[in-house]
């Protein structure tokens, strides 16, 4: 159970990384920076989701599954 919890925490850290924006105390981060980061994360999530769907459908159909090299490190 501990390994599973540690794996879930690691996945959570990768899915929701801390931002490196440094701002004075009490000042919210600049809107453009936050907005562009959200947009980038959303695009990345869509790409990974589409790839996962393609892999799942291929596995279900019994076709060999090809995983891009840059995605192998994330699993």
Protein backbone atom coordinates (compact mmCIF):
# COMPACT_ATOMS: atom_id res chain seq x y z
CA UNK A 1 0.00 0.00 0.00
CA UNK A 2 2.88 2.38 0.75
CA UNK A 3 4.35 1.88 -2.75
CA UNK A 4 0.97 2.66 -4.26
CA UNK A 5 0.63 5.83 -2.17
CA UNK A 6 4.15 6.94 -3.10
CA UNK A 7 3.41 6.31 -6.78
CA UNK A 8 0.19 8.35 -6.56
CA UNK A 9 2.02 11.25 -4.88
CA UNK A 10 4.68 11.15 -7.60
CA UNK A 11 2.04 11.17 -10.34
CA UNK A 12 0.28 14.07 -8.62
CA UNK A 13 3.52 16.07 -8.47
CA UNK A 14 4.07 15.46 -12.20
CA UNK A 15 0.48 16.32 -13.12
CA UNK A 16 0.36 19.47 -10.99
CA UNK A 17 3.89 20.89 -10.77
CA UNK A 18 4.64 23.89 -8.64
CA UNK A 19 5.04 27.10 -10.55
CA UNK A 20 8.40 28.85 -10.39
CA UNK A 21 6.90 32.33 -10.53
CA UNK A 22 8.39 34.54 -7.84
CA UNK A 23 6.21 37.49 -6.81
CA UNK A 24 6.24 39.84 -3.81
CA UNK A 25 4.19 38.77 -0.77
CA UNK A 26 0.48 39.29 -1.16
CA UNK A 27 0.72 39.96 -4.91
CA UNK A 28 -0.93 37.45 -7.23
CA UNK A 29 1.16 36.13 -10.12
CA UNK A 30 0.85 37.99 -13.41
CA UNK A 31 -2.30 36.95 -15.29
CA UNK A 32 -0.52 36.29 -18.58
CA UNK A 33 2.01 33.93 -17.02
CA UNK A 34 -0.64 31.92 -15.22
CA UNK A 35 -2.91 31.86 -18.26
CA UNK A 36 -0.17 30.68 -20.62
CA UNK A 37 0.93 27.98 -18.17
CA UNK A 38 -2.64 26.72 -17.88
CA UNK A 39 -3.01 26.72 -21.64
CA UNK A 40 0.23 24.76 -22.04
CA UNK A 41 -0.77 22.20 -19.39
CA UNK A 42 -4.21 21.82 -20.97
CA UNK A 43 -2.66 21.15 -24.39
CA UNK A 44 -0.22 18.65 -22.91
CA UNK A 45 -3.04 16.87 -21.07
CA UNK A 46 -5.05 16.65 -24.31
CA UNK A 47 -2.06 15.15 -26.14
CA UNK A 48 -1.45 12.55 -23.42
CA UNK A 49 -5.16 11.75 -23.19
CA UNK A 50 -5.44 11.22 -26.94
CA UNK A 51 -2.36 8.98 -26.92
CA UNK A 52 -3.75 6.94 -24.02
CA UNK A 53 -7.06 6.52 -25.85
CA UNK A 54 -5.29 5.35 -29.02
CA UNK A 55 -3.22 2.84 -27.01
CA UNK A 56 -6.28 1.52 -25.18
CA UNK A 57 -8.26 1.09 -28.40
CA UNK A 58 -5.31 -0.65 -30.08
CA UNK A 59 -4.89 -3.02 -27.11
CA UNK A 60 -8.61 -3.78 -27.10
CA UNK A 61 -8.52 -4.53 -30.84
CA UNK A 62 -5.51 -6.81 -30.34
CA UNK A 63 -3.12 -4.67 -32.37
CA UNK A 64 0.49 -4.21 -31.27
CA UNK A 65 0.93 -1.07 -29.24
CA UNK A 66 3.66 1.38 -30.25
CA UNK A 67 4.71 3.88 -27.59
CA UNK A 68 6.72 6.96 -28.52
CA UNK A 69 10.13 7.03 -26.85
CA UNK A 70 9.49 10.30 -25.03
CA UNK A 71 6.35 8.76 -23.43
CA UNK A 72 8.12 5.63 -22.19
CA UNK A 73 9.90 7.63 -19.48
CA UNK A 74 6.59 8.86 -18.06
CA UNK A 75 5.16 5.41 -17.39
